[in-house]
PDB file of N, CA and C in Angstrom:
ATOM      1  N   MET A   1     -39.589 -23.916 -73.426  1.00  0.00           N
ATOM      2  CA  MET A   1     -39.479 -24.845 -74.541  1.00  0.00           C
ATOM      3  C   MET A   1     -40.404 -26.030 -74.272  1.00  0.00           C
ATOM      4  N   GLU A   2     -40.827 -26.679 -75.332  1.00  0.00           N
ATOM      5  CA  GLU A   2     -41.759 -27.804 -75.196  1.00  0.00           C
ATOM      6  C   GLU A   2     -41.036 -29.112 -75.492  1.00  0.00           C
ATOM      7  N   VAL A   3     -41.245 -30.107 -74.602  1.00  0.00           N
ATOM      8  CA  VAL A   3     -40.708 -31.454 -74.782  1.00  0.00           C
ATOM      9  C   VAL A   3     -41.838 -32.449 -74.532  1.00  0.00           C
ATOM     10  N   GLU A   4     -41.595 -33.710 -74.866  1.00  0.00           N
ATOM     11  CA  GLU A   4     -42.580 -34.764 -74.641  1.00  0.00           C
ATOM     12  C   GLU A   4     -41.970 -35.837 -73.748  1.00  0.00           C
ATOM     13  N   VAL A   5     -42.835 -36.474 -72.977  1.00  0.00           N
ATOM     14  CA  VAL A   5     -42.441 -37.619 -72.159  1.00  0.00           C
ATOM     15  C   VAL A   5     -43.347 -38.767 -72.581  1.00  0.00           C
ATOM     16  N   ALA A   6     -42.742 -39.911 -72.930  1.00  0.00           N
ATOM     17  CA  ALA A   6     -43.514 -41.042 -73.458  1.00  0.00           C
ATOM     18  C   ALA A   6     -43.274 -42.297 -72.637  1.00  0.00           C
ATOM     19  N   TYR A   7     -44.351 -43.065 -72.441  1.00  0.00           N
ATOM     20  CA  TYR A   7     -44.262 -44.359 -71.750  1.00  0.00           C
ATOM     21  C   TYR A   7     -45.311 -45.273 -72.365  1.00  0.00           C
ATOM     22  N   ALA A   8     -44.990 -46.556 -72.455  1.00  0.00           N
ATOM     23  CA  ALA A   8     -45.940 -47.500 -73.047  1.00  0.00           C
ATOM     24  C   ALA A   8     -45.930 -48.817 -72.297  1.00  0.00           C
ATOM     25  N   ARG A   9     -47.119 -49.327 -72.089  1.00  0.00           N
ATOM     26  CA  ARG A   9     -47.326 -50.694 -71.616  1.00  0.00           C
ATOM     27  C   ARG A   9     -48.061 -51.417 -72.733  1.00  0.00           C
ATOM     28  N   PRO A  10     -48.149 -52.744 -72.662  1.00  0.00           N
ATOM     29  CA  PRO A  10     -48.881 -53.446 -73.719  1.00  0.00           C
ATOM     30  C   PRO A  10     -50.336 -52.984 -73.847  1.00  0.00           C
ATOM     31  N   ASP A  11     -50.937 -52.555 -72.745  1.00  0.00           N
ATOM     32  CA  ASP A  11     -52.350 -52.185 -72.762  1.00  0.00           C
ATOM     33  C   ASP A  11     -52.609 -50.683 -72.870  1.00  0.00           C
ATOM     34  N   LYS A  12     -51.571 -49.854 -72.677  1.00  0.00           N
ATOM     35  CA  LYS A  12     -51.798 -48.415 -72.647  1.00  0.00           C
ATOM     36  C   LYS A  12     -50.510 -47.672 -72.971  1.00  0.00           C
ATOM     37  N   GLN A  13     -50.626 -46.637 -73.795  1.00  0.00           N
ATOM     38  CA  GLN A  13     -49.483 -45.804 -74.145  1.00  0.00           C
ATOM     39  C   GLN A  13     -49.881 -44.351 -73.911  1.00  0.00           C
ATOM     40  N   GLN A  14     -48.881 -43.528 -73.576  1.00  0.00           N
ATOM     41  CA  GLN A  14     -49.172 -42.125 -73.335  1.00  0.00           C
ATOM     42  C   GLN A  14     -47.965 -41.270 -73.697  1.00  0.00           C
ATOM     43  N   ILE A  15     -48.213 -40.168 -74.401  1.00  0.00           N
ATOM     44  CA  ILE A  15     -47.194 -39.151 -74.663  1.00  0.00           C
ATOM     45  C   ILE A  15     -47.734 -37.859 -74.064  1.00  0.00           C
ATOM     46  N   VAL A  16     -46.950 -37.279 -73.152  1.00  0.00           N
ATOM     47  CA  VAL A  16     -47.367 -36.065 -72.460  1.00  0.00           C
ATOM     48  C   VAL A  16     -46.468 -34.919 -72.905  1.00  0.00           C
ATOM     49  N   SER A  17     -47.066 -33.863 -73.417  1.00  0.00           N
ATOM     50  CA  SER A  17     -46.313 -32.651 -73.762  1.00  0.00           C
ATOM     51  C   SER A  17     -46.202 -31.786 -72.521  1.00  0.00           C
ATOM     52  N   VAL A  18     -45.022 -31.211 -72.332  1.00  0.00           N
ATOM     53  CA  VAL A  18     -44.809 -30.372 -71.154  1.00  0.00           C
ATOM     54  C   VAL A  18     -43.905 -29.202 -71.541  1.00  0.00           C
ATOM     55  N   VAL A  19     -44.245 -28.024 -71.043  1.00  0.00           N
ATOM     56  CA  VAL A  19     -43.435 -26.829 -71.267  1.00  0.00           C
ATOM     57  C   VAL A  19     -42.482 -26.708 -70.085  1.00  0.00           C
ATOM     58  N   VAL A  20     -41.189 -26.656 -70.396  1.00  0.00           N
ATOM     59  CA  VAL A  20     -40.151 -26.611 -69.357  1.00  0.00           C
ATOM     60  C   VAL A  20     -39.196 -25.463 -69.655  1.00  0.00           C
ATOM     61  N   PRO A  21     -38.507 -24.971 -68.625  1.00  0.00           N
ATOM     62  CA  PRO A  21     -37.521 -23.914 -68.871  1.00  0.00           C
ATOM     63  C   PRO A  21     -36.271 -24.475 -69.544  1.00  0.00           C
ATOM     64  N   PRO A  22     -35.534 -23.665 -70.285  1.00  0.00           N
ATOM     65  CA  PRO A  22     -34.274 -24.119 -70.885  1.00  0.00           C
ATOM     66  C   PRO A  22     -33.337 -24.664 -69.805  1.00  0.00           C
ATOM     67  N   GLY A  23     -32.611 -25.724 -70.151  1.00  0.00           N
ATOM     68  CA  GLY A  23     -31.690 -26.339 -69.206  1.00  0.00           C
ATOM     69  C   GLY A  23     -32.312 -27.439 -68.371  1.00  0.00           C
ATOM     70  N   THR A  24     -33.595 -27.724 -68.581  1.00  0.00           N
ATOM     71  CA  THR A  24     -34.270 -28.787 -67.841  1.00  0.00           C
ATOM     72  C   THR A  24     -33.659 -30.133 -68.213  1.00  0.00           C
ATOM     73  N   THR A  25     -33.469 -30.981 -67.216  1.00  0.00           N
ATOM     74  CA  THR A  25     -32.905 -32.315 -67.459  1.00  0.00           C
ATOM     75  C   THR A  25     -34.023 -33.309 -67.782  1.00  0.00           C
ATOM     76  N   ALA A  26     -33.630 -34.460 -68.289  1.00  0.00           N
ATOM     77  CA  ALA A  26     -34.602 -35.508 -68.615  1.00  0.00           C
ATOM     78  C   ALA A  26     -35.387 -35.918 -67.369  1.00  0.00           C
ATOM     79  N   LEU A  27     -34.704 -36.083 -66.252  1.00  0.00           N
ATOM     80  CA  LEU A  27     -35.373 -36.479 -65.012  1.00  0.00           C
ATOM     81  C   LEU A  27     -36.368 -35.410 -64.559  1.00  0.00           C
ATOM     82  N   GLU A  28     -35.983 -34.156 -64.632  1.00  0.00           N
ATOM     83  CA  GLU A  28     -36.887 -33.073 -64.239  1.00  0.00           C
ATOM     84  C   GLU A  28     -38.117 -33.034 -65.140  1.00  0.00           C
ATOM     85  N   ALA A  29     -37.925 -33.261 -66.434  1.00  0.00           N
ATOM     86  CA  ALA A  29     -39.055 -33.246 -67.374  1.00  0.00           C
ATOM     87  C   ALA A  29     -40.041 -34.353 -67.054  1.00  0.00           C
ATOM     88  N   VAL A  30     -39.529 -35.527 -66.701  1.00  0.00           N
ATOM     89  CA  VAL A  30     -40.416 -36.644 -66.342  1.00  0.00           C
ATOM     90  C   VAL A  30     -41.248 -36.270 -65.122  1.00  0.00           C
ATOM     91  N   LYS A  31     -40.614 -35.687 -64.124  1.00  0.00           N
ATOM     92  CA  LYS A  31     -41.342 -35.305 -62.911  1.00  0.00           C
ATOM     93  C   LYS A  31     -42.337 -34.183 -63.195  1.00  0.00           C
ATOM     94  N   LEU A  32     -41.955 -33.208 -64.017  1.00  0.00           N
ATOM     95  CA  LEU A  32     -42.855 -32.098 -64.346  1.00  0.00           C
ATOM     96  C   LEU A  32     -44.036 -32.545 -65.205  1.00  0.00           C
ATOM     97  N   SER A  33     -43.859 -33.598 -65.983  1.00  0.00           N
ATOM     98  CA  SER A  33     -44.931 -34.075 -66.866  1.00  0.00           C
ATOM     99  C   SER A  33     -46.084 -34.716 -66.102  1.00  0.00           C
ATOM    100  N   ARG A  34     -45.820 -35.134 -64.884  1.00  0.00           N
ATOM    101  CA  ARG A  34     -46.815 -35.810 -64.030  1.00  0.00           C
ATOM    102  C   ARG A  34     -47.305 -37.117 -64.644  1.00  0.00           C
ATOM    103  N   ILE A  35     -46.478 -37.720 -65.476  1.00  0.00           N
ATOM    104  CA  ILE A  35     -46.846 -39.009 -66.082  1.00  0.00           C
ATOM    105  C   ILE A  35     -46.959 -40.099 -65.021  1.00  0.00           C
ATOM    106  N   ILE A  36     -46.344 -39.848 -63.866  1.00  0.00           N
ATOM    107  CA  ILE A  36     -46.404 -40.802 -62.752  1.00  0.00           C
ATOM    108  C   ILE A  36     -47.838 -40.943 -62.238  1.00  0.00           C
ATOM    109  N   GLU A  37     -48.647 -39.916 -62.412  1.00  0.00           N
ATOM    110  CA  GLU A  37     -50.050 -40.008 -62.004  1.00  0.00           C
ATOM    111  C   GLU A  37     -50.828 -40.950 -62.924  1.00  0.00           C
ATOM    112  N   ILE A  38     -50.409 -41.049 -64.169  1.00  0.00           N
ATOM    113  CA  ILE A  38     -51.067 -41.939 -65.128  1.00  0.00           C
ATOM    114  C   ILE A  38     -50.555 -43.365 -64.962  1.00  0.00           C
ATOM    115  N   PHE A  39     -49.245 -43.504 -64.721  1.00  0.00           N
ATOM    116  CA  PHE A  39     -48.594 -44.808 -64.554  1.00  0.00           C
ATOM    117  C   PHE A  39     -47.885 -44.826 -63.199  1.00  0.00           C
ATOM    118  N   PRO A  40     -48.593 -45.162 -62.121  1.00  0.00           N
ATOM    119  CA  PRO A  40     -47.980 -45.103 -60.790  1.00  0.00           C
ATOM    120  C   PRO A  40     -46.831 -46.094 -60.584  1.00  0.00           C
ATOM    121  N   GLU A  41     -46.681 -47.058 -61.458  1.00  0.00           N
ATOM    122  CA  GLU A  41     -45.591 -48.032 -61.316  1.00  0.00           C
ATOM    123  C   GLU A  41     -44.231 -47.446 -61.697  1.00  0.00           C
ATOM    124  N   ILE A  42     -44.220 -46.266 -62.302  1.00  0.00           N
ATOM    125  CA  ILE A  42     -42.970 -45.636 -62.717  1.00  0.00           C
ATOM    126  C   ILE A  42     -42.254 -45.047 -61.507  1.00  0.00           C
ATOM    127  N   ASP A  43     -40.978 -45.366 -61.369  1.00  0.00           N
ATOM    128  CA  ASP A  43     -40.113 -44.706 -60.394  1.00  0.00           C
ATOM    129  C   ASP A  43     -39.111 -43.886 -61.194  1.00  0.00           C
ATOM    130  N   PRO A  44     -39.316 -42.573 -61.297  1.00  0.00           N
ATOM    131  CA  PRO A  44     -38.468 -41.770 -62.182  1.00  0.00           C
ATOM    132  C   PRO A  44     -36.990 -41.779 -61.792  1.00  0.00           C
ATOM    133  N   ASP A  45     -36.694 -42.072 -60.542  1.00  0.00           N
ATOM    134  CA  ASP A  45     -35.299 -42.071 -60.111  1.00  0.00           C
ATOM    135  C   ASP A  45     -34.546 -43.334 -60.512  1.00  0.00           C
ATOM    136  N   THR A  46     -35.273 -44.396 -60.893  1.00  0.00           N
ATOM    137  CA  THR A  46     -34.588 -45.653 -61.231  1.00  0.00           C
ATOM    138  C   THR A  46     -34.884 -46.169 -62.640  1.00  0.00           C
ATOM    139  N   ILE A  47     -35.947 -45.668 -63.279  1.00  0.00           N
ATOM    140  CA  ILE A  47     -36.325 -46.194 -64.590  1.00  0.00           C
ATOM    141  C   ILE A  47     -35.306 -45.774 -65.655  1.00  0.00           C
ATOM    142  N   ASP A  48     -35.078 -46.650 -66.631  1.00  0.00           N
ATOM    143  CA  ASP A  48     -34.197 -46.320 -67.754  1.00  0.00           C
ATOM    144  C   ASP A  48     -34.896 -45.326 -68.673  1.00  0.00           C
ATOM    145  N   MET A  49     -34.115 -44.363 -69.181  1.00  0.00           N
ATOM    146  CA  MET A  49     -34.666 -43.325 -70.056  1.00  0.00           C
ATOM    147  C   MET A  49     -33.810 -43.172 -71.294  1.00  0.00           C
ATOM    148  N   GLY A  50     -34.440 -42.641 -72.327  1.00  0.00           N
ATOM    149  CA  GLY A  50     -33.727 -42.307 -73.548  1.00  0.00           C
ATOM    150  C   GLY A  50     -34.354 -41.084 -74.183  1.00  0.00           C
ATOM    151  N   VAL A  51     -33.644 -40.514 -75.136  1.00  0.00           N
ATOM    152  CA  VAL A  51     -34.169 -39.391 -75.911  1.00  0.00           C
ATOM    153  C   VAL A  51     -34.139 -39.813 -77.377  1.00  0.00           C
ATOM    154  N   PHE A  52     -35.311 -39.931 -77.971  1.00  0.00           N
ATOM    155  CA  PHE A  52     -35.463 -40.392 -79.356  1.00  0.00           C
ATOM    156  C   PHE A  52     -34.730 -41.718 -79.588  1.00  0.00           C
ATOM    157  N   GLY A  53     -34.884 -42.672 -78.672  1.00  0.00           N
ATOM    158  CA  GLY A  53     -34.336 -44.011 -78.855  1.00  0.00           C
ATOM    159  C   GLY A  53     -32.892 -44.194 -78.436  1.00  0.00           C
ATOM    160  N   LYS A  54     -32.229 -43.154 -77.982  1.00  0.00           N
ATOM    161  CA  LYS A  54     -30.844 -43.283 -77.525  1.00  0.00           C
ATOM    162  C   LYS A  54     -30.826 -43.202 -76.009  1.00  0.00           C
ATOM    163  N   MET A  55     -30.263 -44.236 -75.387  1.00  0.00           N
ATOM    164  CA  MET A  55     -30.210 -44.299 -73.926  1.00  0.00           C
ATOM    165  C   MET A  55     -29.496 -43.080 -73.350  1.00  0.00           C
ATOM    166  N   VAL A  56     -30.011 -42.619 -72.225  1.00  0.00           N
ATOM    167  CA  VAL A  56     -29.391 -41.531 -71.473  1.00  0.00           C
ATOM    168  C   VAL A  56     -28.813 -42.161 -70.208  1.00  0.00           C
ATOM    169  N   LYS A  57     -27.497 -42.090 -70.055  1.00  0.00           N
ATOM    170  CA  LYS A  57     -26.847 -42.743 -68.921  1.00  0.00           C
ATOM    171  C   LYS A  57     -27.154 -42.067 -67.594  1.00  0.00           C
ATOM    172  N   ASN A  58     -27.235 -40.746 -67.594  1.00  0.00           N
ATOM    173  CA  ASN A  58     -27.513 -40.025 -66.362  1.00  0.00           C
ATOM    174  C   ASN A  58     -28.614 -38.989 -66.614  1.00  0.00           C
ATOM    175  N   PRO A  59     -29.886 -39.395 -66.461  1.00  0.00           N
ATOM    176  CA  PRO A  59     -31.000 -38.488 -66.766  1.00  0.00           C
ATOM    177  C   PRO A  59     -31.006 -37.220 -65.911  1.00  0.00           C
ATOM    178  N   ALA A  60     -30.412 -37.286 -64.719  1.00  0.00           N
ATOM    179  CA  ALA A  60     -30.400 -36.117 -63.834  1.00  0.00           C
ATOM    180  C   ALA A  60     -29.455 -35.034 -64.337  1.00  0.00           C
ATOM    181  N   GLU A  61     -28.581 -35.379 -65.289  1.00  0.00           N
ATOM    182  CA  GLU A  61     -27.628 -34.405 -65.822  1.00  0.00           C
ATOM    183  C   GLU A  61     -27.818 -34.123 -67.317  1.00  0.00           C
ATOM    184  N   HIS A  62     -28.678 -34.878 -67.984  1.00  0.00           N
ATOM    185  CA  HIS A  62     -28.867 -34.734 -69.427  1.00  0.00           C
ATOM    186  C   HIS A  62     -29.837 -33.585 -69.717  1.00  0.00           C
ATOM    187  N   ALA A  63     -29.307 -32.449 -70.184  1.00  0.00           N
ATOM    188  CA  ALA A  63     -30.143 -31.291 -70.522  1.00  0.00           C
ATOM    189  C   ALA A  63     -30.877 -31.543 -71.839  1.00  0.00           C
ATOM    190  N   LEU A  64     -32.138 -31.168 -71.872  1.00  0.00           N
ATOM    191  CA  LEU A  64     -32.969 -31.376 -73.054  1.00  0.00           C
ATOM    192  C   LEU A  64     -32.943 -30.169 -73.977  1.00  0.00           C
ATOM    193  N   SER A  65     -33.310 -30.417 -75.229  1.00  0.00           N
ATOM    194  CA  SER A  65     -33.451 -29.364 -76.229  1.00  0.00           C
ATOM    195  C   SER A  65     -34.915 -29.266 -76.632  1.00  0.00           C
ATOM    196  N   GLU A  66     -35.271 -28.156 -77.253  1.00  0.00           N
ATOM    197  CA  GLU A  66     -36.635 -27.951 -77.735  1.00  0.00           C
ATOM    198  C   GLU A  66     -37.073 -29.125 -78.612  1.00  0.00           C
ATOM    199  N   GLY A  67     -38.251 -29.681 -78.313  1.00  0.00           N
ATOM    200  CA  GLY A  67     -38.817 -30.746 -79.125  1.00  0.00           C
ATOM    201  C   GLY A  67     -38.346 -32.144 -78.789  1.00  0.00           C
ATOM    202  N   ASP A  68     -37.461 -32.306 -77.826  1.00  0.00           N
ATOM    203  CA  ASP A  68     -36.991 -33.652 -77.454  1.00  0.00           C
ATOM    204  C   ASP A  68     -38.141 -34.498 -76.916  1.00  0.00           C
ATOM    205  N   ARG A  69     -38.032 -35.808 -77.113  1.00  0.00           N
ATOM    206  CA  ARG A  69     -38.997 -36.754 -76.543  1.00  0.00           C
ATOM    207  C   ARG A  69     -38.242 -37.670 -75.591  1.00  0.00           C
ATOM    208  N   VAL A  70     -38.567 -37.585 -74.310  1.00  0.00           N
ATOM    209  CA  VAL A  70     -37.972 -38.459 -73.296  1.00  0.00           C
ATOM    210  C   VAL A  70     -38.804 -39.732 -73.260  1.00  0.00           C
ATOM    211  N   GLU A  71     -38.147 -40.874 -73.463  1.00  0.00           N
ATOM    212  CA  GLU A  71     -38.840 -42.161 -73.471  1.00  0.00           C
ATOM    213  C   GLU A  71     -38.459 -42.924 -72.215  1.00  0.00           C
ATOM    214  N   LEU A  72     -39.456 -43.491 -71.562  1.00  0.00           N
ATOM    215  CA  LEU A  72     -39.244 -44.289 -70.359  1.00  0.00           C
ATOM    216  C   LEU A  72     -39.347 -45.755 -70.747  1.00  0.00           C
ATOM    217  N   TYR A  73     -38.358 -46.540 -70.338  1.00  0.00           N
ATOM    218  CA  TYR A  73     -38.275 -47.931 -70.779  1.00  0.00           C
ATOM    219  C   TYR A  73     -38.599 -48.898 -69.648  1.00  0.00           C
ATOM    220  N   ARG A  74     -39.520 -49.818 -69.943  1.00  0.00           N
ATOM    221  CA  ARG A  74     -39.845 -50.886 -68.987  1.00  0.00           C
ATOM    222  C   ARG A  74     -38.718 -51.916 -68.995  1.00  0.00           C
ATOM    223  N   PRO A  75     -38.506 -52.593 -67.866  1.00  0.00           N
ATOM    224  CA  PRO A  75     -37.494 -53.658 -67.867  1.00  0.00           C
ATOM    225  C   PRO A  75     -37.941 -54.819 -68.754  1.00  0.00           C
ATOM    226  N   LEU A  76     -36.983 -55.504 -69.364  1.00  0.00           N
ATOM    227  CA  LEU A  76     -37.301 -56.651 -70.209  1.00  0.00           C
ATOM    228  C   LEU A  76     -37.761 -57.819 -69.359  1.00  0.00           C
ATOM    229  N   LYS A  77     -38.743 -58.572 -69.873  1.00  0.00           N
ATOM    230  CA  LYS A  77     -39.213 -59.759 -69.162  1.00  0.00           C
ATOM    231  C   LYS A  77     -38.261 -60.924 -69.369  1.00  0.00           C
ATOM    232  N   ILE A  78     -37.610 -60.959 -70.532  1.00  0.00           N
ATOM    233  CA  ILE A  78     -36.686 -62.042 -70.846  1.00  0.00           C
ATOM    234  C   ILE A  78     -35.550 -61.456 -71.681  1.00  0.00           C
ATOM    235  N   ASP A  79     -34.370 -61.954 -71.469  1.00  0.00           N
ATOM    236  CA  ASP A  79     -33.198 -61.514 -72.221  1.00  0.00           C
ATOM    237  C   ASP A  79     -33.420 -61.831 -73.707  1.00  0.00           C
ATOM    238  N   PRO A  80     -33.164 -60.883 -74.606  1.00  0.00           N
ATOM    239  CA  PRO A  80     -33.389 -61.130 -76.035  1.00  0.00           C
ATOM    240  C   PRO A  80     -32.633 -62.348 -76.571  1.00  0.00           C
ATOM    241  N   LYS A  81     -31.443 -62.593 -76.070  1.00  0.00           N
ATOM    242  CA  LYS A  81     -30.689 -63.768 -76.528  1.00  0.00           C
ATOM    243  C   LYS A  81     -31.396 -65.056 -76.115  1.00  0.00           C
ATOM    244  N   GLN A  82     -31.930 -65.068 -74.906  1.00  0.00           N
ATOM    245  CA  GLN A  82     -32.649 -66.251 -74.433  1.00  0.00           C
ATOM    246  C   GLN A  82     -33.937 -66.449 -75.230  1.00  0.00           C
ATOM    247  N   ALA A  83     -34.634 -65.375 -75.553  1.00  0.00           N
ATOM    248  CA  ALA A  83     -35.860 -65.471 -76.342  1.00  0.00           C
ATOM    249  C   ALA A  83     -35.566 -66.055 -77.719  1.00  0.00           C
ATOM    250  N   ARG A  84     -34.482 -65.604 -78.340  1.00  0.00           N
ATOM    251  CA  ARG A  84     -34.093 -66.118 -79.658  1.00  0.00           C
ATOM    252  C   ARG A  84     -33.758 -67.604 -79.565  1.00  0.00           C
ATOM    253  N   LEU A  85     -33.046 -67.997 -78.502  1.00  0.00           N
ATOM    254  CA  LEU A  85     -32.697 -69.405 -78.298  1.00  0.00           C
ATOM    255  C   LEU A  85     -33.961 -70.246 -78.115  1.00  0.00           C
ATOM    256  N   ASN A  86     -34.918 -69.728 -77.354  1.00  0.00           N
ATOM    257  CA  ASN A  86     -36.178 -70.453 -77.133  1.00  0.00           C
ATOM    258  C   ASN A  86     -36.940 -70.645 -78.445  1.00  0.00           C
ATOM    259  N   ARG A  87     -36.970 -69.616 -79.296  1.00  0.00           N
ATOM    260  CA  ARG A  87     -37.655 -69.737 -80.594  1.00  0.00           C
ATOM    261  C   ARG A  87     -36.956 -70.762 -81.479  1.00  0.00           C
ATOM    262  N   ALA A  88     -35.643 -70.781 -81.452  1.00  0.00           N
ATOM    263  CA  ALA A  88     -34.878 -71.733 -82.267  1.00  0.00           C
ATOM    264  C   ALA A  88     -35.156 -73.156 -81.815  1.00  0.00           C
ATOM    265  N   LYS A  89     -35.276 -73.379 -80.507  1.00  0.00           N
ATOM    266  CA  LYS A  89     -35.555 -74.719 -79.983  1.00  0.00           C
ATOM    267  C   LYS A  89     -36.937 -75.186 -80.395  1.00  0.00           C
ATOM    268  N   LYS A  90     -37.924 -74.270 -80.450  1.00  0.00           N
ATOM    269  CA  LYS A  90     -39.278 -74.632 -80.854  1.00  0.00           C
ATOM    270  C   LYS A  90     -39.328 -75.093 -82.298  1.00  0.00           C
ATOM    271  N   LYS A  91     -38.550 -74.448 -83.169  1.00  0.00           N
ATOM    272  CA  LYS A  91     -38.559 -74.783 -84.582  1.00  0.00           C
ATOM    273  C   LYS A  91     -37.867 -76.116 -84.867  1.00  0.00           C
ATOM    274  N   ALA A  92     -36.931 -76.481 -84.001  1.00  0.00           N
ATOM    275  CA  ALA A  92     -36.155 -77.728 -84.227  1.00  0.00           C
ATOM    276  C   ALA A  92     -36.942 -78.965 -83.941  1.00  0.00           C
TER     277      ALA A  92
END
């Protein structure tokens, strides 16, 4: 079956298609995609992942389906609540 692995930085984005056997987990798909060679800063064992925008709590156990897109999420630089508060202070 074919799945995609996606990662994005502000300067570069990449979606890698990979053919995997049925029952492959999200973590296995990330490792098989070799996206780590493109983005060496990725640690597949610790990075947050989702499938089509929904967080996956345990990527090592989440089995994928045909056509799924595994998304790798960068950590936030600032808490969204704090960012909103900062914008509100600027306007005042």
